[in-house]
Protein backbone atom coordinates (compact mmCIF):
# COMPACT_ATOMS: atom_id res chain seq x y z
CA MET A 1 138.72 -247.52 212.61
CA LYS A 2 141.92 -246.28 211.02
CA PRO A 3 143.48 -243.31 212.79
CA ILE A 4 143.71 -239.94 211.03
CA LEU A 5 147.36 -238.96 210.60
CA LEU A 6 148.15 -235.23 210.83
CA GLN A 7 151.40 -234.26 209.15
CA GLY A 8 152.13 -230.60 209.78
CA HIS A 9 155.31 -230.55 211.83
CA GLU A 10 158.95 -231.25 211.03
CA ARG A 11 160.01 -231.82 214.63
CA SER A 12 158.61 -233.68 217.62
CA ILE A 13 155.18 -232.72 218.95
CA THR A 14 155.21 -230.99 222.35
CA GLN A 15 151.49 -230.48 223.06
CA ILE A 16 148.04 -230.97 221.53
CA LYS A 17 144.84 -229.33 222.76
CA TYR A 18 141.17 -229.45 221.74
CA ASN A 19 138.99 -226.38 222.02
CA ARG A 20 135.92 -226.64 224.28
CA GLU A 21 133.56 -227.78 221.52
CA GLY A 22 136.13 -230.23 220.18
CA ASP A 23 135.79 -229.20 216.52
CA LEU A 24 139.36 -227.85 216.48
CA LEU A 25 142.65 -229.43 217.51
CA PHE A 26 145.74 -227.30 218.10
CA SER A 27 149.24 -228.77 217.86
CA VAL A 28 152.65 -227.32 218.69
CA ALA A 29 156.12 -228.76 218.22
CA LYS A 30 159.82 -228.05 218.47
CA ASP A 31 159.72 -226.52 214.96
CA THR A 32 158.27 -223.03 215.85
CA VAL A 33 154.93 -223.67 214.08
CA THR A 34 151.48 -223.77 215.70
CA ASN A 35 148.89 -225.67 213.63
CA VAL A 36 145.13 -225.78 213.95
CA TRP A 37 143.18 -228.72 212.46
CA TYR A 38 139.57 -229.79 211.99
CA SER A 39 139.33 -232.73 214.38
CA VAL A 40 136.57 -234.46 212.41
CA ASN A 41 138.67 -235.12 209.29
CA GLY A 42 142.22 -233.97 210.08
CA GLU A 43 142.17 -231.12 207.55
CA ARG A 44 144.53 -228.29 208.41
CA LEU A 45 142.70 -225.02 208.97
CA GLY A 46 145.76 -222.82 209.32
CA THR A 47 149.04 -222.01 211.05
CA TYR A 48 150.25 -219.35 213.46
CA ASN A 49 153.77 -218.28 212.50
CA GLY A 50 155.98 -215.98 214.52
CA HIS A 51 157.84 -217.85 217.24
CA THR A 52 161.59 -218.24 216.72
CA GLY A 53 162.08 -221.19 219.08
CA ALA A 54 160.44 -224.49 219.91
CA VAL A 55 156.81 -224.05 221.00
CA TRP A 56 156.21 -225.94 224.24
CA CYS A 57 152.56 -225.34 225.01
CA VAL A 58 149.27 -224.16 223.54
CA ASP A 59 145.80 -223.42 224.86
CA CYS A 60 142.70 -221.62 223.71
CA ASP A 61 140.02 -219.83 225.69
CA TRP A 62 136.43 -220.83 226.41
CA ASP A 63 134.91 -219.47 223.19
CA THR A 64 137.97 -220.08 220.95
CA LYS A 65 138.60 -216.38 220.41
CA ASN A 66 142.20 -216.37 221.54
CA VAL A 67 145.03 -218.89 221.30
CA LEU A 68 147.97 -218.67 223.70
CA THR A 69 151.35 -220.25 222.93
CA GLY A 70 154.52 -220.45 225.03
CA SER A 71 157.89 -220.86 223.39
CA ALA A 72 161.59 -221.43 224.01
CA ASP A 73 162.15 -217.97 222.49
CA ASN A 74 161.14 -216.72 225.97
CA SER A 75 157.82 -215.35 224.80
CA CYS A 76 154.15 -216.14 225.13
CA ARG A 77 152.03 -215.03 222.19
CA LEU A 78 148.32 -214.39 222.21
CA TRP A 79 146.89 -214.89 218.72
CA ASP A 80 143.68 -213.43 217.32
CA CYS A 81 143.37 -211.25 220.38
CA GLU A 82 140.85 -208.44 220.50
CA THR A 83 142.88 -206.36 222.94
CA ASP A 84 146.50 -205.26 222.75
CA ASP A 85 147.24 -205.69 226.42
CA ASN A 86 149.44 -208.78 226.59
CA GLN A 87 150.97 -207.98 229.96
CA PRO A 88 150.40 -210.60 232.66
CA TYR A 89 148.33 -209.30 235.59
CA LEU A 90 150.24 -211.48 238.06
CA SER A 91 153.71 -213.04 237.94
CA VAL A 92 154.46 -215.72 240.52
CA PRO A 93 158.18 -216.10 241.30
CA CYS A 94 159.12 -219.74 241.70
CA SER A 95 162.78 -220.04 242.59
CA ASP A 96 162.77 -223.42 244.34
CA HIS A 97 161.89 -225.91 241.62
CA LYS A 98 161.04 -225.17 238.01
CA ILE A 99 157.36 -225.40 237.04
CA THR A 100 156.91 -227.97 234.28
CA SER A 101 153.11 -227.94 233.90
CA ALA A 102 150.23 -225.81 235.11
CA VAL A 103 146.43 -225.70 234.80
CA TRP A 104 143.57 -223.62 236.20
CA GLY A 105 141.61 -225.00 239.12
CA PRO A 106 137.80 -224.85 239.36
CA LEU A 107 136.25 -221.35 239.31
CA GLY A 108 139.59 -219.78 238.38
CA GLU A 109 140.51 -219.19 242.02
CA PHE A 110 143.87 -220.96 241.88
CA VAL A 111 146.44 -222.48 239.56
CA ILE A 112 147.69 -226.06 240.00
CA ALA A 113 151.37 -226.37 239.08
CA GLY A 114 153.64 -229.40 238.76
CA HIS A 115 157.37 -229.06 239.45
CA GLU A 116 160.53 -230.80 238.32
CA ASN A 117 161.06 -232.28 241.80
CA GLY A 118 157.67 -234.05 241.64
CA GLU A 119 155.85 -231.57 243.87
CA ILE A 120 152.38 -230.21 243.05
CA ASN A 121 151.45 -226.75 244.36
CA GLN A 122 148.28 -224.71 244.39
CA PHE A 123 148.89 -220.99 243.81
CA SER A 124 146.29 -218.36 244.61
CA ALA A 125 145.24 -216.53 241.44
CA LYS A 126 144.79 -213.33 243.44
CA SER A 127 147.92 -213.16 245.58
CA GLY A 128 150.24 -215.79 244.07
CA GLU A 129 150.82 -217.39 247.46
CA VAL A 130 151.07 -221.18 247.82
CA LEU A 131 147.78 -222.47 249.22
CA LYS A 132 148.47 -226.21 249.31
CA LYS A 133 151.27 -228.66 248.49
CA ALA A 134 151.34 -232.35 247.59
CA LYS A 135 154.41 -234.53 247.13
CA GLU A 136 153.28 -237.91 245.81
CA HIS A 137 155.65 -238.18 242.81
CA SER A 138 159.35 -238.92 243.25
CA ARG A 139 160.47 -237.38 239.94
CA GLN A 140 159.56 -234.57 237.55
CA ILE A 141 155.92 -233.92 236.63
CA ASN A 142 155.65 -233.90 232.83
CA ASP A 143 151.97 -233.07 232.39
CA ILE A 144 148.85 -232.08 234.33
CA GLN A 145 145.37 -232.30 232.80
CA PRO A 146 142.05 -231.60 234.55
CA SER A 147 138.81 -233.56 234.24
CA VAL A 148 136.06 -231.94 232.18
CA ASP A 149 134.43 -230.45 235.32
CA LEU A 150 137.84 -229.46 236.81
CA THR A 151 137.13 -231.28 240.11
CA ILE A 152 140.01 -233.74 239.67
CA PHE A 153 143.21 -233.78 237.65
CA ILE A 154 145.76 -236.32 236.48
CA SER A 155 149.51 -235.86 236.69
CA ALA A 156 152.06 -237.70 234.53
CA SER A 157 155.56 -238.17 235.88
CA LYS A 158 159.05 -239.38 235.07
CA ASP A 159 158.68 -241.76 238.03
CA ASN A 160 156.74 -244.17 235.72
CA THR A 161 153.33 -243.33 237.20
CA ALA A 162 150.30 -241.14 236.60
CA LYS A 163 148.17 -240.11 239.58
CA LEU A 164 144.68 -238.71 240.13
CA PHE A 165 144.23 -235.86 242.62
CA ASP A 166 141.33 -233.84 243.98
CA SER A 167 141.75 -230.32 242.55
CA THR A 168 140.63 -228.43 245.66
CA SER A 169 142.17 -230.47 248.49
CA LEU A 170 145.12 -231.96 246.50
CA ASP A 171 144.20 -235.32 248.07
CA HIS A 172 145.80 -238.21 246.19
CA ILE A 173 143.06 -240.54 244.84
CA LYS A 174 144.53 -243.17 242.46
CA THR A 175 147.86 -244.30 240.96
CA PHE A 176 148.47 -245.88 237.55
CA LYS A 177 151.81 -247.67 237.21
CA THR A 178 153.89 -248.41 234.10
CA GLU A 179 157.48 -249.47 233.39
CA ARG A 180 158.45 -246.29 231.55
CA PRO A 181 158.33 -242.54 232.18
CA VAL A 182 154.83 -241.14 231.59
CA ASN A 183 154.96 -238.04 229.39
CA SER A 184 151.26 -237.25 229.32
CA ALA A 185 147.94 -238.45 230.72
CA ALA A 186 144.31 -237.46 230.16
CA ILE A 187 140.93 -238.22 231.77
CA SER A 188 137.98 -239.35 229.65
CA PRO A 189 135.01 -236.95 229.87
CA ILE A 190 132.43 -239.76 229.63
CA MET A 191 134.03 -243.01 230.85
CA ASP A 192 135.96 -244.01 233.98
CA HIS A 193 139.08 -244.21 231.84
CA VAL A 194 142.45 -242.51 231.62
CA VAL A 195 144.88 -242.64 228.70
CA MET A 196 148.63 -242.39 229.17
CA GLY A 197 151.49 -241.89 226.74
CA GLY A 198 155.20 -242.22 227.26
CA GLY A 199 158.31 -244.10 226.30
CA GLN A 200 161.92 -243.42 227.05
CA GLU A 201 163.75 -240.16 227.26
CA ALA A 202 164.30 -238.72 223.77
CA MET A 203 168.06 -239.24 224.06
CA GLU A 204 167.66 -242.94 224.82
CA VAL A 205 165.35 -243.68 221.91
CA THR A 206 168.17 -244.18 219.41
CA THR A 207 169.55 -247.06 221.46
CA THR A 208 166.36 -249.10 221.16
CA SER A 209 164.59 -250.56 218.17
CA THR A 210 161.85 -248.22 216.97
CA ARG A 211 159.82 -250.96 215.40
CA ILE A 212 156.13 -250.23 215.15
CA GLY A 213 154.17 -250.90 218.29
CA LYS A 214 156.99 -250.12 220.67
CA PHE A 215 155.29 -246.88 221.59
CA GLU A 216 151.71 -247.32 222.70
CA ALA A 217 148.99 -245.26 224.27
CA ARG A 218 147.81 -247.16 227.33
CA PHE A 219 144.30 -247.17 228.75
CA PHE A 220 143.57 -247.68 232.45
CA HIS A 221 140.33 -247.95 234.36
CA ALA A 222 140.17 -244.90 236.64
CA ALA A 223 138.52 -246.70 239.56
CA TYR A 224 140.26 -250.09 239.48
CA GLU A 225 143.70 -248.73 238.39
CA GLU A 226 143.87 -251.66 235.92
CA GLU A 227 145.26 -251.43 232.40
CA PHE A 228 142.75 -252.72 229.85
CA GLY A 229 144.03 -251.69 226.43
CA ARG A 230 146.85 -250.35 224.30
CA VAL A 231 146.95 -248.55 220.97
CA LYS A 232 150.05 -248.83 218.80
CA GLY A 233 151.21 -246.53 216.08
CA HIS A 234 153.88 -243.98 216.94
CA PHE A 235 157.50 -244.53 215.90
CA GLY A 236 158.81 -242.75 218.99
CA PRO A 237 157.70 -241.85 222.50
CA ILE A 238 154.25 -240.30 222.88
CA ASN A 239 154.72 -236.77 224.21
CA CYS A 240 151.08 -235.74 224.63
CA VAL A 241 147.59 -237.24 224.72
CA ALA A 242 144.17 -235.58 224.78
CA PHE A 243 140.57 -236.80 224.84
CA HIS A 244 138.04 -235.17 222.54
CA PRO A 245 135.48 -233.31 224.73
CA ASP A 246 132.74 -235.73 223.59
CA GLY A 247 134.83 -238.74 224.67
CA LYS A 248 134.36 -240.55 221.36
CA SER A 249 137.95 -240.10 220.17
CA TYR A 250 141.38 -239.18 221.44
CA SER A 251 144.57 -237.82 219.92
CA SER A 252 148.25 -238.43 220.55
CA GLY A 253 151.32 -236.47 219.51
CA GLY A 254 154.71 -238.12 219.23
CA GLU A 255 158.43 -237.60 219.15
CA ASP A 256 158.05 -238.78 215.51
CA GLY A 257 156.37 -235.46 214.61
CA TYR A 258 152.94 -236.95 213.89
CA VAL A 259 149.58 -236.28 215.51
CA ARG A 260 147.18 -239.21 215.34
CA ILE A 261 143.41 -238.90 215.87
CA HIS A 262 141.83 -242.20 216.96
CA TYR A 263 138.08 -242.77 216.93
CA PHE A 264 136.91 -245.46 219.34
CA ASP A 265 135.14 -248.55 218.03
CA PRO A 266 131.55 -249.14 219.23
CA GLN A 267 132.62 -251.96 221.56
CA TYR A 268 134.82 -249.53 223.51
CA PHE A 269 131.70 -247.88 224.92
CA ASP A 270 130.19 -251.22 226.03
CA PHE A 271 133.40 -252.43 227.66
CA GLU A 272 133.11 -253.34 231.32
CA LEU A 273 136.14 -254.28 233.39
CA GLU A 274 135.43 -257.40 235.42
CA ALA A 275 136.31 -256.67 239.02
């Protein structure tokens, strides 16, 4: 099936995020705009305007009442919020190594954070103290995404790998290896699959040919750590990937400024990797 191409940004995409039901897809980029789309047909529902710098990250809450964005203008903005209290209830100082990605752990008891030195830390949501540490990556963590039940998460790193970890113990479970830095990785909610996106550093892209197909989303079997498929399309590195909550499609956002929604063919769901 042909992918749905979302054209709503003038600069490279930094993050894409589905809401819990999966009917909406949020996208942010280096161009200050936050877009929200209908995931079923790629129609743009609206924009959130207000940031004055690149928008690095976006997320929405459980019932899609509030959308939170974080920007290079040194502000986080909470959109459509019913309260006016936008003050954080806990700030965790982190002077050692910059945090590059963070997600909630199960039950909201701790936050899992990835750092630019490749370390992964668990911070208590009550006290802010470091509960556990893991150092399996040798270079910066670019992205962390949890599984649908939050029991495991996948980390994407500049060291050319993505790795699966147990959320509670931080035990390292699996490693998926590529030849290029991994910018983003996501876990399928229904299959034993992970999808990874990457490419070179943005500054190195101009020195290579950007012919179509150079930049592919790559699919690995979560148990066997084997690559079994690739999807072409972006004209630059893939900066972010996300599975739809129903597992029947996924989206990717690229340095080329496009978001692409891909629906899986029927044979994808029957595919069995031969051990």
